[in-house]
Amino acid sequence: MNEQTAKDPSASDDERPEARLERAVRAAEQALIEFEIAVETFRVEVENFSRLHHQKLGPMYSRLDELDALIAEARAARTGDPEDLRKARDARALVMPMPGVDELFHDWLDSDGISDDAGAMLTDQPVRPPERVRPSEEVRRLYRELVRRAHPDLAQDDAERTRRDEFIARVNSAYGRGDEPLLRELAEEWAAGPAPQEERPSETEELYARLEWLARRKELLAVVARELEDGAIGSMLRMAPEDPDRLLEEIAEQLLGQVSEREAELAALVE
């Protein structure tokens, strides 16, 4: 056989359209997994920042609403003007009402009776703030590795997809809590579990259908990502991605200034 015309069988297989299409599907799968990891990471960051935002700034917003209502009511009392009276009613309607007795008991009672936080509030003791959760770099690394290895999109049959779906739900829960030990346990569990089935050759039609599904999935994730980024909390996070705590401090300073201005305005009206 002429050496110049001889072909390597494996090289010939690599040139088959099906082989190139299969490589494209695998690349698209990995790209989708990376995108899902990024979206989920940002979702957790938004959720945690929202919790911190409510904890630190919520009372200030409530105080501003109350001051606005008091100012409108004081102005209406002075003028008696129907429009001022309407504005006073509208401002008061925006103030969050005090919870009813049932709501208070629902929030304050647990299975062992009155909760620790409720007891602290009733006895003027320091109240424990909500737990701060912000995944560390090691937690993020463990999460990314687990998702890459156990992602449901890598399953080859329904039973394997179900197993992966259930496992990833546990991984997401541990990641949302920033639970590094549990993520390590899950990594060991996955390593000891059934090995994923080897990829089987796919027909051209199946590969094209797979690519279409991956594209649709990415479009849906892109919508989720845009909603997170365009939301109030996501927009704030994008303003200070490296130091969101400092952003909260700056907003708090601005709100304190507004509270002082409203209090001065109210004092002038009720003199």
C-alpha atoms as a PDB file:
ATOM      1  CA  MET A   1       0.000   0.000   0.000  1.00  0.00           C
ATOM      2  CA  ASN A   2       1.250   3.435  -0.920  1.00  0.00           C
ATOM      3  CA  GLU A   3       2.169   5.241   2.327  1.00  0.00           C
ATOM      4  CA  GLN A   4       1.127   8.595   0.864  1.00  0.00           C
ATOM      5  CA  THR A   5      -2.457   7.397   0.303  1.00  0.00           C
ATOM      6  CA  ALA A   6      -2.796   5.359   3.519  1.00  0.00           C
ATOM      7  CA  LYS A   7      -5.227   6.795   6.085  1.00  0.00           C
ATOM      8  CA  ASP A   8      -5.349   6.357   9.825  1.00  0.00           C
ATOM      9  CA  PRO A   9      -8.743   4.758  10.655  1.00  0.00           C
ATOM     10  CA  SER A  10      -9.111   6.797  13.836  1.00  0.00           C
ATOM     11  CA  ALA A  11      -8.401  10.000  11.931  1.00  0.00           C
ATOM     12  CA  SER A  12     -11.034   8.973   9.397  1.00  0.00           C
ATOM     13  CA  ASP A  13     -13.585   8.475  12.184  1.00  0.00           C
ATOM     14  CA  ASP A  14     -12.780  11.921  13.595  1.00  0.00           C
ATOM     15  CA  GLU A  15     -13.687  13.447  10.259  1.00  0.00           C
ATOM     16  CA  ARG A  16     -17.123  11.875  10.173  1.00  0.00           C
ATOM     17  CA  PRO A  17     -19.926  14.486  10.395  1.00  0.00           C
ATOM     18  CA  GLU A  18     -21.455  12.545  13.297  1.00  0.00           C
ATOM     19  CA  ALA A  19     -18.187  12.723  15.245  1.00  0.00           C
ATOM     20  CA  ARG A  20     -17.854  16.460  14.715  1.00  0.00           C
ATOM     21  CA  LEU A  21     -21.498  16.919  15.710  1.00  0.00           C
ATOM     22  CA  GLU A  22     -21.001  14.840  18.834  1.00  0.00           C
ATOM     23  CA  ARG A  23     -18.022  16.997  19.844  1.00  0.00           C
ATOM     24  CA  ALA A  24     -20.180  20.081  19.343  1.00  0.00           C
ATOM     25  CA  VAL A  25     -22.882  18.609  21.597  1.00  0.00           C
ATOM     26  CA  ARG A  26     -20.360  17.824  24.344  1.00  0.00           C
ATOM     27  CA  ALA A  27     -18.914  21.316  24.136  1.00  0.00           C
ATOM     28  CA  ALA A  28     -22.401  22.831  24.301  1.00  0.00           C
ATOM     29  CA  GLU A  29     -23.223  20.669  27.329  1.00  0.00           C
ATOM     30  CA  GLN A  30     -20.135  21.845  29.196  1.00  0.00           C
ATOM     31  CA  ALA A  31     -20.800  25.464  28.253  1.00  0.00           C
ATOM     32  CA  LEU A  32     -24.380  25.144  29.540  1.00  0.00           C
ATOM     33  CA  ILE A  33     -23.183  23.639  32.823  1.00  0.00           C
ATOM     34  CA  GLU A  34     -20.738  26.517  33.331  1.00  0.00           C
ATOM     35  CA  PHE A  35     -23.526  28.994  32.583  1.00  0.00           C
ATOM     36  CA  GLU A  36     -25.882  27.289  35.043  1.00  0.00           C
ATOM     37  CA  ILE A  37     -23.166  27.423  37.717  1.00  0.00           C
ATOM     38  CA  ALA A  38     -22.693  31.150  37.109  1.00  0.00           C
ATOM     39  CA  VAL A  39     -26.438  31.842  37.254  1.00  0.00           C
ATOM     40  CA  GLU A  40     -26.917  29.776  40.422  1.00  0.00           C
ATOM     41  CA  THR A  41     -23.928  31.456  42.086  1.00  0.00           C
ATOM     42  CA  PHE A  42     -25.348  34.892  41.299  1.00  0.00           C
ATOM     43  CA  ARG A  43     -28.782  33.809  42.519  1.00  0.00           C
ATOM     44  CA  VAL A  44     -27.293  32.808  45.879  1.00  0.00           C
ATOM     45  CA  GLU A  45     -25.408  36.105  46.068  1.00  0.00           C
ATOM     46  CA  VAL A  46     -28.605  38.042  45.339  1.00  0.00           C
ATOM     47  CA  GLU A  47     -30.528  36.056  47.955  1.00  0.00           C
ATOM     48  CA  ASN A  48     -27.856  36.590  50.614  1.00  0.00           C
ATOM     49  CA  PHE A  49     -27.456  40.287  49.817  1.00  0.00           C
ATOM     50  CA  SER A  50     -31.236  40.697  49.940  1.00  0.00           C
ATOM     51  CA  ARG A  51     -31.251  39.160  53.430  1.00  0.00           C
ATOM     52  CA  LEU A  52     -28.485  41.496  54.614  1.00  0.00           C
ATOM     53  CA  HIS A  53     -30.171  44.468  52.941  1.00  0.00           C
ATOM     54  CA  HIS A  54     -33.450  43.778  54.730  1.00  0.00           C
ATOM     55  CA  GLN A  55     -31.705  43.176  58.057  1.00  0.00           C
ATOM     56  CA  LYS A  56     -29.671  46.387  57.991  1.00  0.00           C
ATOM     57  CA  LEU A  57     -31.816  48.823  56.033  1.00  0.00           C
ATOM     58  CA  GLY A  58     -35.367  47.587  56.578  1.00  0.00           C
ATOM     59  CA  PRO A  59     -35.891  49.546  59.829  1.00  0.00           C
ATOM     60  CA  MET A  60     -34.658  52.745  58.142  1.00  0.00           C
ATOM     61  CA  TYR A  61     -37.102  52.383  55.260  1.00  0.00           C
ATOM     62  CA  SER A  62     -39.904  51.760  57.759  1.00  0.00           C
ATOM     63  CA  ARG A  63     -38.919  54.869  59.721  1.00  0.00           C
ATOM     64  CA  LEU A  64     -38.950  56.966  56.531  1.00  0.00           C
ATOM     65  CA  ASP A  65     -42.434  55.704  55.646  1.00  0.00           C
ATOM     66  CA  GLU A  66     -43.667  56.551  59.143  1.00  0.00           C
ATOM     67  CA  LEU A  67     -42.120  60.039  59.002  1.00  0.00           C
ATOM     68  CA  ASP A  68     -43.674  60.672  55.584  1.00  0.00           C
ATOM     69  CA  ALA A  69     -47.085  59.735  56.998  1.00  0.00           C
ATOM     70  CA  LEU A  70     -46.610  61.940  60.064  1.00  0.00           C
ATOM     71  CA  ILE A  71     -45.507  64.887  57.917  1.00  0.00           C
ATOM     72  CA  ALA A  72     -48.485  64.496  55.576  1.00  0.00           C
ATOM     73  CA  GLU A  73     -50.853  64.207  58.527  1.00  0.00           C
ATOM     74  CA  ALA A  74     -49.376  67.283  60.230  1.00  0.00           C
ATOM     75  CA  ARG A  75     -49.654  69.299  57.025  1.00  0.00           C
ATOM     76  CA  ALA A  76     -53.262  68.167  56.501  1.00  0.00           C
ATOM     77  CA  ALA A  77     -54.126  69.097  60.086  1.00  0.00           C
ATOM     78  CA  ARG A  78     -52.781  72.598  59.485  1.00  0.00           C
ATOM     79  CA  THR A  79     -54.455  73.275  56.160  1.00  0.00           C
ATOM     80  CA  GLY A  80     -57.593  71.143  56.252  1.00  0.00           C
ATOM     81  CA  ASP A  81     -57.276  71.008  52.457  1.00  0.00           C
ATOM     82  CA  PRO A  82     -59.040  67.951  50.929  1.00  0.00           C
ATOM     83  CA  GLU A  83     -56.023  67.211  48.717  1.00  0.00           C
ATOM     84  CA  ASP A  84     -53.681  67.294  51.728  1.00  0.00           C
ATOM     85  CA  LEU A  85     -56.077  65.026  53.606  1.00  0.00           C
ATOM     86  CA  ARG A  86     -56.050  62.572  50.701  1.00  0.00           C
ATOM     87  CA  LYS A  87     -52.240  62.605  50.593  1.00  0.00           C
ATOM     88  CA  ALA A  88     -52.125  61.977  54.343  1.00  0.00           C
ATOM     89  CA  ARG A  89     -54.407  58.939  53.976  1.00  0.00           C
ATOM     90  CA  ASP A  90     -52.298  57.597  51.108  1.00  0.00           C
ATOM     91  CA  ALA A  91     -49.055  58.082  53.055  1.00  0.00           C
ATOM     92  CA  ARG A  92     -50.494  56.321  56.100  1.00  0.00           C
ATOM     93  CA  ALA A  93     -51.667  53.421  53.924  1.00  0.00           C
ATOM     94  CA  LEU A  94     -48.070  52.850  52.822  1.00  0.00           C
ATOM     95  CA  VAL A  95     -46.894  52.312  56.393  1.00  0.00           C
ATOM     96  CA  MET A  96     -46.735  48.608  57.196  1.00  0.00           C
ATOM     97  CA  PRO A  97     -49.441  47.849  59.782  1.00  0.00           C
ATOM     98  CA  MET A  98     -48.584  46.334  63.106  1.00  0.00           C
ATOM     99  CA  PRO A  99     -48.954  42.541  63.031  1.00  0.00           C
ATOM    100  CA  GLY A 100     -51.935  41.001  64.723  1.00  0.00           C
ATOM    101  CA  VAL A 101     -51.707  38.810  67.784  1.00  0.00           C
ATOM    102  CA  ASP A 102     -51.980  35.628  65.731  1.00  0.00           C
ATOM    103  CA  GLU A 103     -49.125  36.725  63.482  1.00  0.00           C
ATOM    104  CA  LEU A 104     -46.953  37.583  66.451  1.00  0.00           C
ATOM    105  CA  PHE A 105     -47.508  34.210  68.056  1.00  0.00           C
ATOM    106  CA  HIS A 106     -46.873  32.453  64.742  1.00  0.00           C
ATOM    107  CA  ASP A 107     -43.509  34.210  64.407  1.00  0.00           C
ATOM    108  CA  TRP A 108     -42.472  34.018  68.049  1.00  0.00           C
ATOM    109  CA  LEU A 109     -43.550  30.542  69.125  1.00  0.00           C
ATOM    110  CA  ASP A 110     -41.713  27.377  68.220  1.00  0.00           C
ATOM    111  CA  SER A 111     -42.216  23.719  69.213  1.00  0.00           C
ATOM    112  CA  ASP A 112     -40.611  24.361  72.612  1.00  0.00           C
ATOM    113  CA  GLY A 113     -42.639  27.472  73.414  1.00  0.00           C
ATOM    114  CA  ILE A 114     -41.549  31.060  72.954  1.00  0.00           C
ATOM    115  CA  SER A 115     -38.500  31.371  70.726  1.00  0.00           C
ATOM    116  CA  ASP A 116     -35.114  32.648  71.955  1.00  0.00           C
ATOM    117  CA  ASP A 117     -35.340  35.765  69.787  1.00  0.00           C
ATOM    118  CA  ALA A 118     -38.839  36.567  71.000  1.00  0.00           C
ATOM    119  CA  GLY A 119     -37.748  36.136  74.609  1.00  0.00           C
ATOM    120  CA  ALA A 120     -34.826  38.470  74.019  1.00  0.00           C
ATOM    121  CA  MET A 121     -37.123  41.120  72.543  1.00  0.00           C
ATOM    122  CA  LEU A 122     -39.538  40.891  75.471  1.00  0.00           C
ATOM    123  CA  THR A 123     -36.754  41.166  78.069  1.00  0.00           C
ATOM    124  CA  ASP A 124     -34.681  43.858  76.324  1.00  0.00           C
ATOM    125  CA  GLN A 125     -31.836  41.422  75.687  1.00  0.00           C
ATOM    126  CA  PRO A 126     -29.767  41.593  72.465  1.00  0.00           C
ATOM    127  CA  VAL A 127     -31.573  39.935  69.582  1.00  0.00           C
ATOM    128  CA  ARG A 128     -29.555  37.513  67.486  1.00  0.00           C
ATOM    129  CA  PRO A 129     -29.279  38.862  63.926  1.00  0.00           C
ATOM    130  CA  PRO A 130     -30.184  36.623  60.974  1.00  0.00           C
ATOM    131  CA  GLU A 131     -27.403  34.245  60.028  1.00  0.00           C
ATOM    132  CA  ARG A 132     -25.076  35.719  57.427  1.00  0.00           C
ATOM    133  CA  VAL A 133     -24.456  33.376  54.522  1.00  0.00           C
ATOM    134  CA  ARG A 134     -21.945  34.150  51.828  1.00  0.00           C
ATOM    135  CA  PRO A 135     -20.283  31.097  50.214  1.00  0.00           C
ATOM    136  CA  SER A 136     -16.500  31.076  50.608  1.00  0.00           C
ATOM    137  CA  GLU A 137     -14.145  30.498  47.705  1.00  0.00           C
ATOM    138  CA  GLU A 138     -13.657  26.876  48.811  1.00  0.00           C
ATOM    139  CA  VAL A 139     -17.438  26.346  48.962  1.00  0.00           C
ATOM    140  CA  ARG A 140     -17.746  27.790  45.465  1.00  0.00           C
ATOM    141  CA  ARG A 141     -14.954  25.520  44.222  1.00  0.00           C
ATOM    142  CA  LEU A 142     -16.577  22.420  45.723  1.00  0.00           C
ATOM    143  CA  TYR A 143     -19.950  23.416  44.279  1.00  0.00           C
ATOM    144  CA  ARG A 144     -18.580  23.976  40.783  1.00  0.00           C
ATOM    145  CA  GLU A 145     -16.761  20.631  40.848  1.00  0.00           C
ATOM    146  CA  LEU A 146     -19.820  18.732  42.029  1.00  0.00           C
ATOM    147  CA  VAL A 147     -22.070  20.309  39.419  1.00  0.00           C
ATOM    148  CA  ARG A 148     -19.595  19.542  36.643  1.00  0.00           C
ATOM    149  CA  ARG A 149     -19.413  15.895  37.688  1.00  0.00           C
ATOM    150  CA  ALA A 150     -23.028  15.212  38.631  1.00  0.00           C
ATOM    151  CA  HIS A 151     -25.052  17.525  36.395  1.00  0.00           C
ATOM    152  CA  PRO A 152     -28.289  15.879  35.184  1.00  0.00           C
ATOM    153  CA  ASP A 153     -27.582  16.880  31.595  1.00  0.00           C
ATOM    154  CA  LEU A 154     -24.753  14.323  31.556  1.00  0.00           C
ATOM    155  CA  ALA A 155     -27.189  11.443  32.150  1.00  0.00           C
ATOM    156  CA  GLN A 156     -27.764   8.905  29.403  1.00  0.00           C
ATOM    157  CA  ASP A 157     -31.100   7.517  30.598  1.00  0.00           C
ATOM    158  CA  ASP A 158     -34.083   8.499  32.757  1.00  0.00           C
ATOM    159  CA  ALA A 159     -32.970   6.547  35.827  1.00  0.00           C
ATOM    160  CA  GLU A 160     -29.563   8.196  35.824  1.00  0.00           C
ATOM    161  CA  ARG A 161     -31.106  11.637  35.307  1.00  0.00           C
ATOM    162  CA  THR A 162     -33.413  11.095  38.297  1.00  0.00           C
ATOM    163  CA  ARG A 163     -30.459  10.097  40.468  1.00  0.00           C
ATOM    164  CA  ARG A 164     -28.516  13.167  39.385  1.00  0.00           C
ATOM    165  CA  ASP A 165     -31.518  15.499  39.816  1.00  0.00           C
ATOM    166  CA  GLU A 166     -31.976  14.361  43.418  1.00  0.00           C
ATOM    167  CA  PHE A 167     -28.262  14.632  44.166  1.00  0.00           C
ATOM    168  CA  ILE A 168     -27.899  18.120  42.657  1.00  0.00           C
ATOM    169  CA  ALA A 169     -30.911  19.314  44.686  1.00  0.00           C
ATOM    170  CA  ARG A 170     -28.975  18.357  47.837  1.00  0.00           C
ATOM    171  CA  VAL A 171     -25.848  20.046  46.480  1.00  0.00           C
ATOM    172  CA  ASN A 172     -27.774  23.275  45.775  1.00  0.00           C
ATOM    173  CA  SER A 173     -29.247  23.239  49.279  1.00  0.00           C
ATOM    174  CA  ALA A 174     -25.805  22.845  50.899  1.00  0.00           C
ATOM    175  CA  TYR A 175     -24.359  25.559  48.668  1.00  0.00           C
ATOM    176  CA  GLY A 176     -27.151  27.983  49.553  1.00  0.00           C
ATOM    177  CA  ARG A 177     -26.241  27.541  53.230  1.00  0.00           C
ATOM    178  CA  GLY A 178     -22.506  27.773  52.580  1.00  0.00           C
ATOM    179  CA  ASP A 179     -22.101  24.334  54.212  1.00  0.00           C
ATOM    180  CA  GLU A 180     -18.549  23.303  53.293  1.00  0.00           C
ATOM    181  CA  PRO A 181     -18.438  20.046  55.370  1.00  0.00           C
ATOM    182  CA  LEU A 182     -21.660  18.810  53.792  1.00  0.00           C
ATOM    183  CA  LEU A 183     -20.386  19.628  50.294  1.00  0.00           C
ATOM    184  CA  ARG A 184     -17.261  17.569  51.038  1.00  0.00           C
ATOM    185  CA  GLU A 185     -19.446  14.680  52.216  1.00  0.00           C
ATOM    186  CA  LEU A 186     -21.500  14.929  49.044  1.00  0.00           C
ATOM    187  CA  ALA A 187     -18.332  14.882  46.946  1.00  0.00           C
ATOM    188  CA  GLU A 188     -17.241  11.674  48.677  1.00  0.00           C
ATOM    189  CA  GLU A 189     -20.712  10.199  48.255  1.00  0.00           C
ATOM    190  CA  TRP A 190     -20.707  10.920  44.533  1.00  0.00           C
ATOM    191  CA  ALA A 191     -17.218   9.476  44.096  1.00  0.00           C
ATOM    192  CA  ALA A 192     -18.315   6.258  45.839  1.00  0.00           C
ATOM    193  CA  GLY A 193     -21.594   5.968  43.922  1.00  0.00           C
ATOM    194  CA  PRO A 194     -22.335   4.326  40.587  1.00  0.00           C
ATOM    195  CA  ALA A 195     -20.039   5.563  37.856  1.00  0.00           C
ATOM    196  CA  PRO A 196     -21.798   7.474  35.089  1.00  0.00           C
ATOM    197  CA  GLN A 197     -22.461   5.358  32.036  1.00  0.00           C
ATOM    198  CA  GLU A 198     -20.125   5.729  29.123  1.00  0.00           C
ATOM    199  CA  GLU A 199     -21.363   7.925  26.345  1.00  0.00           C
ATOM    200  CA  ARG A 200     -22.991   5.937  23.619  1.00  0.00           C
ATOM    201  CA  PRO A 201     -22.800   6.750  19.923  1.00  0.00           C
ATOM    202  CA  SER A 202     -25.714   8.980  18.931  1.00  0.00           C
ATOM    203  CA  GLU A 203     -27.602   9.220  15.701  1.00  0.00           C
ATOM    204  CA  THR A 204     -27.346  12.510  13.783  1.00  0.00           C
ATOM    205  CA  GLU A 205     -31.003  13.344  14.399  1.00  0.00           C
ATOM    206  CA  GLU A 206     -30.601  12.784  18.157  1.00  0.00           C
ATOM    207  CA  LEU A 207     -27.534  14.987  18.279  1.00  0.00           C
ATOM    208  CA  TYR A 208     -29.279  17.801  16.443  1.00  0.00           C
ATOM    209  CA  ALA A 209     -32.233  17.489  18.826  1.00  0.00           C
ATOM    210  CA  ARG A 210     -29.814  17.619  21.754  1.00  0.00           C
ATOM    211  CA  LEU A 211     -28.228  20.805  20.428  1.00  0.00           C
ATOM    212  CA  GLU A 212     -31.645  22.399  20.014  1.00  0.00           C
ATOM    213  CA  TRP A 213     -32.594  21.469  23.586  1.00  0.00           C
ATOM    214  CA  LEU A 214     -29.321  22.913  24.922  1.00  0.00           C
ATOM    215  CA  ALA A 215     -29.915  26.146  23.022  1.00  0.00           C
ATOM    216  CA  ARG A 216     -33.444  26.475  24.434  1.00  0.00           C
ATOM    217  CA  ARG A 217     -32.186  25.734  27.934  1.00  0.00           C
ATOM    218  CA  LYS A 218     -29.538  28.420  27.626  1.00  0.00           C
ATOM    219  CA  GLU A 219     -32.151  30.930  26.430  1.00  0.00           C
ATOM    220  CA  LEU A 220     -34.283  30.196  29.512  1.00  0.00           C
ATOM    221  CA  LEU A 221     -31.271  30.601  31.796  1.00  0.00           C
ATOM    222  CA  ALA A 222     -30.398  33.869  30.077  1.00  0.00           C
ATOM    223  CA  VAL A 223     -33.887  35.149  30.940  1.00  0.00           C
ATOM    224  CA  VAL A 224     -33.379  34.146  34.586  1.00  0.00           C
ATOM    225  CA  ALA A 225     -29.969  35.840  34.626  1.00  0.00           C
ATOM    226  CA  ARG A 226     -31.394  39.061  33.161  1.00  0.00           C
ATOM    227  CA  GLU A 227     -34.191  39.095  35.727  1.00  0.00           C
ATOM    228  CA  LEU A 228     -31.671  38.677  38.543  1.00  0.00           C
ATOM    229  CA  GLU A 229     -29.384  41.376  37.151  1.00  0.00           C
ATOM    230  CA  ASP A 230     -32.199  43.838  36.425  1.00  0.00           C
ATOM    231  CA  GLY A 231     -33.863  43.408  39.829  1.00  0.00           C
ATOM    232  CA  ALA A 232     -33.303  45.965  42.571  1.00  0.00           C
ATOM    233  CA  ILE A 233     -30.906  43.764  44.548  1.00  0.00           C
ATOM    234  CA  GLY A 234     -29.048  42.515  41.463  1.00  0.00           C
ATOM    235  CA  SER A 235     -28.587  46.079  40.222  1.00  0.00           C
ATOM    236  CA  MET A 236     -27.099  47.073  43.572  1.00  0.00           C
ATOM    237  CA  LEU A 237     -24.760  44.077  43.547  1.00  0.00           C
ATOM    238  CA  ARG A 238     -23.509  45.004  40.082  1.00  0.00           C
ATOM    239  CA  MET A 239     -22.626  48.455  41.417  1.00  0.00           C
ATOM    240  CA  ALA A 240     -20.194  46.965  43.943  1.00  0.00           C
ATOM    241  CA  PRO A 241     -19.494  43.301  43.104  1.00  0.00           C
ATOM    242  CA  GLU A 242     -16.253  43.221  45.097  1.00  0.00           C
ATOM    243  CA  ASP A 243     -17.464  45.010  48.242  1.00  0.00           C
ATOM    244  CA  PRO A 244     -21.260  44.806  48.702  1.00  0.00           C
ATOM    245  CA  ASP A 245     -20.915  45.447  52.442  1.00  0.00           C
ATOM    246  CA  ARG A 246     -19.482  48.876  51.742  1.00  0.00           C
ATOM    247  CA  LEU A 247     -22.427  49.592  49.440  1.00  0.00           C
ATOM    248  CA  LEU A 248     -24.831  48.766  52.270  1.00  0.00           C
ATOM    249  CA  GLU A 249     -22.948  51.165  54.538  1.00  0.00           C
ATOM    250  CA  GLU A 250     -23.190  53.946  51.955  1.00  0.00           C
ATOM    251  CA  ILE A 251     -26.933  53.393  51.487  1.00  0.00           C
ATOM    252  CA  ALA A 252     -27.395  53.352  55.264  1.00  0.00           C
ATOM    253  CA  GLU A 253     -25.609  56.704  55.546  1.00  0.00           C
ATOM    254  CA  GLN A 254     -27.865  58.184  52.858  1.00  0.00           C
ATOM    255  CA  LEU A 255     -30.992  56.875  54.588  1.00  0.00           C
ATOM    256  CA  LEU A 256     -29.859  58.261  57.943  1.00  0.00           C
ATOM    257  CA  GLY A 257     -29.494  61.646  56.280  1.00  0.00           C
ATOM    258  CA  GLN A 258     -33.002  61.409  54.870  1.00  0.00           C
ATOM    259  CA  VAL A 259     -34.373  60.417  58.278  1.00  0.00           C
ATOM    260  CA  SER A 260     -32.745  63.489  59.846  1.00  0.00           C
ATOM    261  CA  GLU A 261     -34.242  65.746  57.162  1.00  0.00           C
ATOM    262  CA  ARG A 262     -37.729  64.271  57.636  1.00  0.00           C
ATOM    263  CA  GLU A 263     -37.512  64.627  61.424  1.00  0.00           C
ATOM    264  CA  ALA A 264     -36.525  68.272  61.078  1.00  0.00           C
ATOM    265  CA  GLU A 265     -39.409  68.872  58.652  1.00  0.00           C
ATOM    266  CA  LEU A 266     -41.865  67.187  61.018  1.00  0.00           C
ATOM    267  CA  ALA A 267     -40.595  69.202  63.985  1.00  0.00           C
ATOM    268  CA  ALA A 268     -41.152  72.432  62.057  1.00  0.00           C
ATOM    269  CA  LEU A 269     -44.728  71.442  61.208  1.00  0.00           C
ATOM    270  CA  VAL A 270     -45.784  70.534  64.744  1.00  0.00           C
ATOM    271  CA  GLU A 271     -44.267  73.579  66.479  1.00  0.00           C
END
